[in-house]
Amino acid sequence: ELFFRPEDAALTDPAASHLRGVIEQATFLGERTR
C-alpha cells in the first residue's frame, strides 16, 4: 500500500497515463473541485 493527498495528483490524458480511472462524482467547492 501507498498513500497520497488529494492535491498531489493531476489529471492527464488517459491514453498516455500509467494510471487510469473514471469520474464518479464532481463536487464544486468554490476555489477547487473535488
PDB file of all heavy atoms in Angstrom:
ATOM      1  N   GLU A   1       0.832  -1.202   0.000  1.00  0.00           N
ATOM      2  CA  GLU A   1       0.000   0.000   0.000  1.00  0.00           C
ATOM      3  C   GLU A   1       0.866   1.251   0.000  1.00  0.00           C
ATOM      4  O   GLU A   1       1.913   1.297   0.648  1.00  0.00           O
ATOM      5  CB  GLU A   1      -0.898   0.042   1.237  1.00  0.00           C
ATOM      6  CG  GLU A   1      -1.954  -1.039   1.300  1.00  0.00           C
ATOM      7  CD  GLU A   1      -2.770  -0.935   2.581  1.00  0.00           C
ATOM      8  OE1 GLU A   1      -2.194  -0.586   3.630  1.00  0.00           O
ATOM      9  OE2 GLU A   1      -3.977  -1.206   2.530  1.00  0.00           O
ATOM     10  N   LEU A   2       0.428   2.250  -0.734  1.00  0.00           N
ATOM     11  CA  LEU A   2       0.989   3.589  -0.669  1.00  0.00           C
ATOM     12  C   LEU A   2      -0.180   4.562  -0.544  1.00  0.00           C
ATOM     13  O   LEU A   2      -1.326   4.236  -0.890  1.00  0.00           O
ATOM     14  CB  LEU A   2       1.814   3.913  -1.916  1.00  0.00           C
ATOM     15  CG  LEU A   2       3.117   3.138  -2.092  1.00  0.00           C
ATOM     16  CD1 LEU A   2       3.737   3.447  -3.456  1.00  0.00           C
ATOM     17  CD2 LEU A   2       4.116   3.455  -0.975  1.00  0.00           C
ATOM     18  N   PHE A   3       0.114   5.789  -0.074  1.00  0.00           N
ATOM     19  CA  PHE A   3      -0.929   6.769   0.180  1.00  0.00           C
ATOM     20  C   PHE A   3      -0.519   8.114  -0.418  1.00  0.00           C
ATOM     21  O   PHE A   3       0.676   8.398  -0.599  1.00  0.00           O
ATOM     22  CB  PHE A   3      -1.154   6.925   1.687  1.00  0.00           C
ATOM     23  CG  PHE A   3      -1.528   5.632   2.376  1.00  0.00           C
ATOM     24  CD1 PHE A   3      -0.550   4.742   2.801  1.00  0.00           C
ATOM     25  CD2 PHE A   3      -2.862   5.304   2.592  1.00  0.00           C
ATOM     26  CE1 PHE A   3      -0.891   3.551   3.432  1.00  0.00           C
ATOM     27  CE2 PHE A   3      -3.209   4.119   3.217  1.00  0.00           C
ATOM     28  CZ  PHE A   3      -2.220   3.242   3.634  1.00  0.00           C
ATOM     29  N   PHE A   4      -1.514   8.959  -0.715  1.00  0.00           N
ATOM     30  CA  PHE A   4      -1.202  10.310  -1.193  1.00  0.00           C
ATOM     31  C   PHE A   4      -2.358  11.243  -0.868  1.00  0.00           C
ATOM     32  O   PHE A   4      -3.490  10.823  -0.633  1.00  0.00           O
ATOM     33  CB  PHE A   4      -0.884  10.314  -2.691  1.00  0.00           C
ATOM     34  CG  PHE A   4      -2.066  10.040  -3.588  1.00  0.00           C
ATOM     35  CD1 PHE A   4      -2.813  11.078  -4.146  1.00  0.00           C
ATOM     36  CD2 PHE A   4      -2.430   8.738  -3.895  1.00  0.00           C
ATOM     37  CE1 PHE A   4      -3.899  10.833  -4.964  1.00  0.00           C
ATOM     38  CE2 PHE A   4      -3.518   8.472  -4.722  1.00  0.00           C
ATOM     39  CZ  PHE A   4      -4.257   9.522  -5.263  1.00  0.00           C
ATOM     40  N   ARG A   5      -2.066  12.546  -0.862  1.00  0.00           N
ATOM     41  CA  ARG A   5      -3.056  13.578  -0.576  1.00  0.00           C
ATOM     42  C   ARG A   5      -3.765  13.994  -1.873  1.00  0.00           C
ATOM     43  O   ARG A   5      -3.188  13.908  -2.967  1.00  0.00           O
ATOM     44  CB  ARG A   5      -2.378  14.803   0.047  1.00  0.00           C
ATOM     45  CG  ARG A   5      -1.616  14.546   1.345  1.00  0.00           C
ATOM     46  CD  ARG A   5      -2.541  14.190   2.474  1.00  0.00           C
ATOM     47  NE  ARG A   5      -1.835  14.111   3.763  1.00  0.00           N
ATOM     48  CZ  ARG A   5      -2.417  13.718   4.881  1.00  0.00           C
ATOM     49  NH1 ARG A   5      -3.687  13.381   4.892  1.00  0.00           N
ATOM     50  NH2 ARG A   5      -1.730  13.673   6.018  1.00  0.00           N
ATOM     51  N   PRO A   6      -5.011  14.472  -1.788  1.00  0.00           N
ATOM     52  CA  PRO A   6      -5.781  14.813  -2.993  1.00  0.00           C
ATOM     53  C   PRO A   6      -5.123  15.858  -3.888  1.00  0.00           C
ATOM     54  O   PRO A   6      -5.297  15.832  -5.109  1.00  0.00           O
ATOM     55  CB  PRO A   6      -7.102  15.350  -2.424  1.00  0.00           C
ATOM     56  CG  PRO A   6      -7.232  14.677  -1.101  1.00  0.00           C
ATOM     57  CD  PRO A   6      -5.833  14.580  -0.565  1.00  0.00           C
ATOM     58  N   GLU A   7      -4.380  16.779  -3.296  1.00  0.00           N
ATOM     59  CA  GLU A   7      -3.774  17.847  -4.089  1.00  0.00           C
ATOM     60  C   GLU A   7      -2.492  17.412  -4.788  1.00  0.00           C
ATOM     61  O   GLU A   7      -1.914  18.172  -5.580  1.00  0.00           O
ATOM     62  CB  GLU A   7      -3.500  19.070  -3.213  1.00  0.00           C
ATOM     63  CG  GLU A   7      -2.431  18.872  -2.155  1.00  0.00           C
ATOM     64  CD  GLU A   7      -2.962  18.299  -0.846  1.00  0.00           C
ATOM     65  OE1 GLU A   7      -4.083  17.755  -0.827  1.00  0.00           O
ATOM     66  OE2 GLU A   7      -2.235  18.399   0.159  1.00  0.00           O
ATOM     67  N   ASP A   8      -2.006  16.191  -4.505  1.00  0.00           N
ATOM     68  CA  ASP A   8      -0.737  15.734  -5.080  1.00  0.00           C
ATOM     69  C   ASP A   8      -0.936  14.883  -6.320  1.00  0.00           C
ATOM     70  O   ASP A   8       0.002  14.220  -6.784  1.00  0.00           O
ATOM     71  CB  ASP A   8       0.060  14.959  -4.029  1.00  0.00           C
ATOM     72  CG  ASP A   8       0.631  15.876  -2.956  1.00  0.00           C
ATOM     73  OD1 ASP A   8       1.023  16.998  -3.307  1.00  0.00           O
ATOM     74  OD2 ASP A   8       0.671  15.485  -1.782  1.00  0.00           O
ATOM     75  N   ALA A   9      -2.137  14.866  -6.869  1.00  0.00           N
ATOM     76  CA  ALA A   9      -2.402  14.165  -8.122  1.00  0.00           C
ATOM     77  C   ALA A   9      -2.924  15.159  -9.149  1.00  0.00           C
ATOM     78  O   ALA A   9      -3.592  16.136  -8.809  1.00  0.00           O
ATOM     79  CB  ALA A   9      -3.413  13.044  -7.908  1.00  0.00           C
ATOM     80  N   ALA A  10      -2.603  14.922 -10.417  1.00  0.00           N
ATOM     81  CA  ALA A  10      -3.072  15.779 -11.504  1.00  0.00           C
ATOM     82  C   ALA A  10      -3.751  14.923 -12.561  1.00  0.00           C
ATOM     83  O   ALA A  10      -3.403  13.753 -12.748  1.00  0.00           O
ATOM     84  CB  ALA A  10      -1.901  16.546 -12.109  1.00  0.00           C
ATOM     85  N   LEU A  11      -4.712  15.519 -13.261  1.00  0.00           N
ATOM     86  CA  LEU A  11      -5.380  14.821 -14.347  1.00  0.00           C
ATOM     87  C   LEU A  11      -4.512  14.859 -15.606  1.00  0.00           C
ATOM     88  O   LEU A  11      -3.906  15.898 -15.918  1.00  0.00           O
ATOM     89  CB  LEU A  11      -6.734  15.459 -14.643  1.00  0.00           C
ATOM     90  CG  LEU A  11      -7.759  15.469 -13.503  1.00  0.00           C
ATOM     91  CD1 LEU A  11      -9.088  16.015 -14.007  1.00  0.00           C
ATOM     92  CD2 LEU A  11      -7.955  14.080 -12.915  1.00  0.00           C
ATOM     93  N   THR A  12      -4.460  13.756 -16.330  1.00  0.00           N
ATOM     94  CA  THR A  12      -3.670  13.664 -17.556  1.00  0.00           C
ATOM     95  C   THR A  12      -4.494  12.947 -18.619  1.00  0.00           C
ATOM     96  O   THR A  12      -5.575  12.416 -18.349  1.00  0.00           O
ATOM     97  CB  THR A  12      -2.364  12.892 -17.305  1.00  0.00           C
ATOM     98  OG1 THR A  12      -2.684  11.594 -16.777  1.00  0.00           O
ATOM     99  CG2 THR A  12      -1.466  13.631 -16.317  1.00  0.00           C
ATOM    100  N   ASP A  13      -3.963  12.919 -19.815  1.00  0.00           N
ATOM    101  CA  ASP A  13      -4.601  12.205 -20.922  1.00  0.00           C
ATOM    102  C   ASP A  13      -4.583  10.707 -20.616  1.00  0.00           C
ATOM    103  O   ASP A  13      -3.508  10.121 -20.449  1.00  0.00           O
ATOM    104  CB  ASP A  13      -3.821  12.486 -22.206  1.00  0.00           C
ATOM    105  CG  ASP A  13      -4.411  11.773 -23.420  1.00  0.00           C
ATOM    106  OD1 ASP A  13      -5.400  11.027 -23.259  1.00  0.00           O
ATOM    107  OD2 ASP A  13      -3.865  11.960 -24.515  1.00  0.00           O
ATOM    108  N   PRO A  14      -5.756  10.063 -20.530  1.00  0.00           N
ATOM    109  CA  PRO A  14      -5.764   8.648 -20.167  1.00  0.00           C
ATOM    110  C   PRO A  14      -5.003   7.765 -21.147  1.00  0.00           C
ATOM    111  O   PRO A  14      -4.468   6.719 -20.758  1.00  0.00           O
ATOM    112  CB  PRO A  14      -7.259   8.299 -20.136  1.00  0.00           C
ATOM    113  CG  PRO A  14      -7.945   9.373 -20.893  1.00  0.00           C
ATOM    114  CD  PRO A  14      -7.111  10.592 -20.721  1.00  0.00           C
ATOM    115  N   ALA A  15      -4.914   8.187 -22.420  1.00  0.00           N
ATOM    116  CA  ALA A  15      -4.212   7.365 -23.411  1.00  0.00           C
ATOM    117  C   ALA A  15      -2.713   7.311 -23.154  1.00  0.00           C
ATOM    118  O   ALA A  15      -2.034   6.379 -23.597  1.00  0.00           O
ATOM    119  CB  ALA A  15      -4.486   7.911 -24.810  1.00  0.00           C
ATOM    120  N   ALA A  16      -2.187   8.299 -22.434  1.00  0.00           N
ATOM    121  CA  ALA A  16      -0.742   8.348 -22.197  1.00  0.00           C
ATOM    122  C   ALA A  16      -0.397   8.234 -20.715  1.00  0.00           C
ATOM    123  O   ALA A  16       0.693   8.613 -20.299  1.00  0.00           O
ATOM    124  CB  ALA A  16      -0.183   9.655 -22.759  1.00  0.00           C
ATOM    125  N   SER A  17      -1.315   7.714 -19.905  1.00  0.00           N
ATOM    126  CA  SER A  17      -1.123   7.681 -18.454  1.00  0.00           C
ATOM    127  C   SER A  17      -0.805   6.286 -17.950  1.00  0.00           C
ATOM    128  O   SER A  17      -1.300   5.288 -18.485  1.00  0.00           O
ATOM    129  CB  SER A  17      -2.383   8.192 -17.739  1.00  0.00           C
ATOM    130  OG  SER A  17      -2.640   9.531 -18.087  1.00  0.00           O
ATOM    131  N   HIS A  18      -0.007   6.241 -16.893  1.00  0.00           N
ATOM    132  CA  HIS A  18       0.269   4.976 -16.206  1.00  0.00           C
ATOM    133  C   HIS A  18      -0.964   4.486 -15.454  1.00  0.00           C
ATOM    134  O   HIS A  18      -1.180   3.293 -15.274  1.00  0.00           O
ATOM    135  CB  HIS A  18       1.410   5.151 -15.189  1.00  0.00           C
ATOM    136  CG  HIS A  18       2.755   5.279 -15.825  1.00  0.00           C
ATOM    137  ND1 HIS A  18       3.402   4.211 -16.409  1.00  0.00           N
ATOM    138  CD2 HIS A  18       3.578   6.347 -15.966  1.00  0.00           C
ATOM    139  CE1 HIS A  18       4.579   4.612 -16.874  1.00  0.00           C
ATOM    140  NE2 HIS A  18       4.706   5.905 -16.626  1.00  0.00           N
ATOM    141  N   LEU A  19      -1.786   5.458 -14.953  1.00  0.00           N
ATOM    142  CA  LEU A  19      -2.899   5.123 -14.082  1.00  0.00           C
ATOM    143  C   LEU A  19      -4.173   5.769 -14.628  1.00  0.00           C
ATOM    144  O   LEU A  19      -4.178   6.955 -14.948  1.00  0.00           O
ATOM    145  CB  LEU A  19      -2.617   5.634 -12.660  1.00  0.00           C
ATOM    146  CG  LEU A  19      -3.583   5.235 -11.547  1.00  0.00           C
ATOM    147  CD1 LEU A  19      -3.587   3.719 -11.352  1.00  0.00           C
ATOM    148  CD2 LEU A  19      -3.194   5.931 -10.244  1.00  0.00           C
ATOM    149  N   ARG A  20      -5.238   4.973 -14.741  1.00  0.00           N
ATOM    150  CA  ARG A  20      -6.461   5.477 -15.361  1.00  0.00           C
ATOM    151  C   ARG A  20      -7.678   5.140 -14.489  1.00  0.00           C
ATOM    152  O   ARG A  20      -7.695   4.124 -13.781  1.00  0.00           O
ATOM    153  CB  ARG A  20      -6.654   4.857 -16.750  1.00  0.00           C
ATOM    154  CG  ARG A  20      -5.601   5.304 -17.766  1.00  0.00           C
ATOM    155  CD  ARG A  20      -5.618   4.447 -19.002  1.00  0.00           C
ATOM    156  NE  ARG A  20      -5.241   3.053 -18.717  1.00  0.00           N
ATOM    157  CZ  ARG A  20      -3.984   2.639 -18.553  1.00  0.00           C
ATOM    158  NH1 ARG A  20      -2.989   3.513 -18.648  1.00  0.00           N
ATOM    159  NH2 ARG A  20      -3.717   1.367 -18.295  1.00  0.00           N
ATOM    160  N   GLY A  21      -8.698   5.982 -14.608  1.00  0.00           N
ATOM    161  CA  GLY A  21      -9.932   5.746 -13.879  1.00  0.00           C
ATOM    162  C   GLY A  21     -11.074   6.505 -14.520  1.00  0.00           C
ATOM    163  O   GLY A  21     -10.932   7.102 -15.593  1.00  0.00           O
ATOM    164  N   VAL A  22     -12.230   6.526 -13.840  1.00  0.00           N
ATOM    165  CA  VAL A  22     -13.432   7.171 -14.353  1.00  0.00           C
ATOM    166  C   VAL A  22     -14.019   8.061 -13.254  1.00  0.00           C
ATOM    167  O   VAL A  22     -14.082   7.663 -12.090  1.00  0.00           O
ATOM    168  CB  VAL A  22     -14.479   6.119 -14.782  1.00  0.00           C
ATOM    169  CG1 VAL A  22     -15.778   6.798 -15.209  1.00  0.00           C
ATOM    170  CG2 VAL A  22     -13.934   5.266 -15.913  1.00  0.00           C
ATOM    171  N   ILE A  23     -14.447   9.265 -13.621  1.00  0.00           N
ATOM    172  CA  ILE A  23     -15.029  10.186 -12.646  1.00  0.00           C
ATOM    173  C   ILE A  23     -16.402   9.674 -12.206  1.00  0.00           C
ATOM    174  O   ILE A  23     -17.290   9.450 -13.027  1.00  0.00           O
ATOM    175  CB  ILE A  23     -15.147  11.600 -13.220  1.00  0.00           C
ATOM    176  CG1 ILE A  23     -13.748  12.175 -13.471  1.00  0.00           C
ATOM    177  CG2 ILE A  23     -15.927  12.519 -12.273  1.00  0.00           C
ATOM    178  CD1 ILE A  23     -13.741  13.526 -14.111  1.00  0.00           C
ATOM    179  N   GLU A  24     -16.536   9.468 -10.907  1.00  0.00           N
ATOM    180  CA  GLU A  24     -17.813   9.032 -10.342  1.00  0.00           C
ATOM    181  C   GLU A  24     -18.624  10.192  -9.780  1.00  0.00           C
ATOM    182  O   GLU A  24     -19.847  10.143  -9.722  1.00  0.00           O
ATOM    183  CB  GLU A  24     -17.564   8.006  -9.222  1.00  0.00           C
ATOM    184  CG  GLU A  24     -16.931   6.707  -9.716  1.00  0.00           C
ATOM    185  CD  GLU A  24     -16.727   5.713  -8.596  1.00  0.00           C
ATOM    186  OE1 GLU A  24     -16.777   6.130  -7.413  1.00  0.00           O
ATOM    187  OE2 GLU A  24     -16.516   4.526  -8.888  1.00  0.00           O
ATOM    188  N   GLN A  25     -17.906  11.238  -9.342  1.00  0.00           N
ATOM    189  CA  GLN A  25     -18.592  12.393  -8.760  1.00  0.00           C
ATOM    190  C   GLN A  25     -17.681  13.606  -8.842  1.00  0.00           C
ATOM    191  O   GLN A  25     -16.454  13.487  -8.714  1.00  0.00           O
ATOM    192  CB  GLN A  25     -18.952  12.114  -7.294  1.00  0.00           C
ATOM    193  CG  GLN A  25     -19.747  13.218  -6.628  1.00  0.00           C
ATOM    194  CD  GLN A  25     -20.184  12.829  -5.225  1.00  0.00           C
ATOM    195  OE1 GLN A  25     -20.261  11.650  -4.892  1.00  0.00           O
ATOM    196  NE2 GLN A  25     -20.463  13.812  -4.402  1.00  0.00           N
ATOM    197  N   ALA A  26     -18.275  14.766  -9.084  1.00  0.00           N
ATOM    198  CA  ALA A  26     -17.530  16.032  -9.092  1.00  0.00           C
ATOM    199  C   ALA A  26     -18.277  17.020  -8.210  1.00  0.00           C
ATOM    200  O   ALA A  26     -19.451  17.314  -8.451  1.00  0.00           O
ATOM    201  CB  ALA A  26     -17.393  16.577 -10.501  1.00  0.00           C
ATOM    202  N   THR A  27     -17.609  17.511  -7.176  1.00  0.00           N
ATOM    203  CA  THR A  27     -18.235  18.432  -6.220  1.00  0.00           C
ATOM    204  C   THR A  27     -17.537  19.778  -6.297  1.00  0.00           C
ATOM    205  O   THR A  27     -16.341  19.888  -6.001  1.00  0.00           O
ATOM    206  CB  THR A  27     -18.142  17.881  -4.790  1.00  0.00           C
ATOM    207  OG1 THR A  27     -18.714  16.568  -4.751  1.00  0.00           O
ATOM    208  CG2 THR A  27     -18.869  18.788  -3.811  1.00  0.00           C
ATOM    209  N   PHE A  28     -18.271  20.812  -6.700  1.00  0.00           N
ATOM    210  CA  PHE A  28     -17.710  22.161  -6.805  1.00  0.00           C
ATOM    211  C   PHE A  28     -17.648  22.789  -5.424  1.00  0.00           C
ATOM    212  O   PHE A  28     -18.653  22.899  -4.724  1.00  0.00           O
ATOM    213  CB  PHE A  28     -18.569  23.006  -7.736  1.00  0.00           C
ATOM    214  CG  PHE A  28     -18.106  24.432  -7.853  1.00  0.00           C
ATOM    215  CD1 PHE A  28     -16.870  24.735  -8.400  1.00  0.00           C
ATOM    216  CD2 PHE A  28     -18.903  25.475  -7.418  1.00  0.00           C
ATOM    217  CE1 PHE A  28     -16.430  26.048  -8.507  1.00  0.00           C
ATOM    218  CE2 PHE A  28     -18.488  26.791  -7.520  1.00  0.00           C
ATOM    219  CZ  PHE A  28     -17.238  27.073  -8.068  1.00  0.00           C
ATOM    220  N   LEU A  29     -16.440  23.218  -5.003  1.00  0.00           N
ATOM    221  CA  LEU A  29     -16.239  23.792  -3.673  1.00  0.00           C
ATOM    222  C   LEU A  29     -15.733  25.228  -3.736  1.00  0.00           C
ATOM    223  O   LEU A  29     -15.162  25.729  -2.776  1.00  0.00           O
ATOM    224  CB  LEU A  29     -15.243  22.925  -2.878  1.00  0.00           C
ATOM    225  CG  LEU A  29     -15.666  21.468  -2.653  1.00  0.00           C
ATOM    226  CD1 LEU A  29     -14.543  20.677  -2.000  1.00  0.00           C
ATOM    227  CD2 LEU A  29     -16.926  21.409  -1.798  1.00  0.00           C
ATOM    228  N   GLY A  30     -15.953  25.888  -4.856  1.00  0.00           N
ATOM    229  CA  GLY A  30     -15.517  27.280  -4.986  1.00  0.00           C
ATOM    230  C   GLY A  30     -14.123  27.360  -5.574  1.00  0.00           C
ATOM    231  O   GLY A  30     -13.941  27.346  -6.797  1.00  0.00           O
ATOM    232  N   GLU A  31     -13.130  27.416  -4.715  1.00  0.00           N
ATOM    233  CA  GLU A  31     -11.752  27.551  -5.191  1.00  0.00           C
ATOM    234  C   GLU A  31     -11.211  26.258  -5.784  1.00  0.00           C
ATOM    235  O   GLU A  31     -10.180  26.243  -6.451  1.00  0.00           O
ATOM    236  CB  GLU A  31     -10.831  28.035  -4.055  1.00  0.00           C
ATOM    237  CG  GLU A  31     -10.408  26.979  -3.044  1.00  0.00           C
ATOM    238  CD  GLU A  31     -11.469  26.637  -2.013  1.00  0.00           C
ATOM    239  OE1 GLU A  31     -12.573  27.229  -2.075  1.00  0.00           O
ATOM    240  OE2 GLU A  31     -11.205  25.794  -1.146  1.00  0.00           O
ATOM    241  N   ARG A  32     -11.914  25.139  -5.563  1.00  0.00           N
ATOM    242  CA  ARG A  32     -11.472  23.868  -6.117  1.00  0.00           C
ATOM    243  C   ARG A  32     -12.685  22.983  -6.394  1.00  0.00           C
ATOM    244  O   ARG A  32     -13.768  23.227  -5.870  1.00  0.00           O
ATOM    245  CB  ARG A  32     -10.519  23.144  -5.156  1.00  0.00           C
ATOM    246  CG  ARG A  32     -11.174  22.602  -3.911  1.00  0.00           C
ATOM    247  CD  ARG A  32     -10.128  22.085  -2.921  1.00  0.00           C
ATOM    248  NE  ARG A  32     -10.703  21.320  -1.832  1.00  0.00           N
ATOM    249  CZ  ARG A  32     -11.271  21.834  -0.746  1.00  0.00           C
ATOM    250  NH1 ARG A  32     -11.321  23.150  -0.604  1.00  0.00           N
ATOM    251  NH2 ARG A  32     -11.768  21.065   0.190  1.00  0.00           N
ATOM    252  N   THR A  33     -12.465  21.998  -7.255  1.00  0.00           N
ATOM    253  CA  THR A  33     -13.467  20.966  -7.491  1.00  0.00           C
ATOM    254  C   THR A  33     -12.899  19.651  -6.989  1.00  0.00           C
ATOM    255  O   THR A  33     -11.761  19.293  -7.314  1.00  0.00           O
ATOM    256  CB  THR A  33     -13.815  20.853  -8.984  1.00  0.00           C
ATOM    257  OG1 THR A  33     -14.450  22.068  -9.409  1.00  0.00           O
ATOM    258  CG2 THR A  33     -14.746  19.685  -9.243  1.00  0.00           C
ATOM    259  N   ARG A  34     -13.666  18.948  -6.183  1.00  0.00           N
ATOM    260  CA  ARG A  34     -13.207  17.663  -5.620  1.00  0.00           C
ATOM    261  C   ARG A  34     -13.814  16.532  -6.439  1.00  0.00           C
ATOM    262  O   ARG A  34     -15.034  16.398  -6.530  1.00  0.00           O
ATOM    263  CB  ARG A  34     -13.589  17.556  -4.152  1.00  0.00           C
ATOM    264  CG  ARG A  34     -13.295  16.215  -3.529  1.00  0.00           C
ATOM    265  CD  ARG A  34     -13.059  16.316  -2.043  1.00  0.00           C
ATOM    266  NE  ARG A  34     -11.745  16.877  -1.744  1.00  0.00           N
ATOM    267  CZ  ARG A  34     -11.190  16.879  -0.524  1.00  0.00           C
ATOM    268  NH1 ARG A  34     -11.851  16.357   0.496  1.00  0.00           N
ATOM    269  NH2 ARG A  34     -10.001  17.397  -0.327  1.00  0.00           N
TER     270      ARG A  34
END
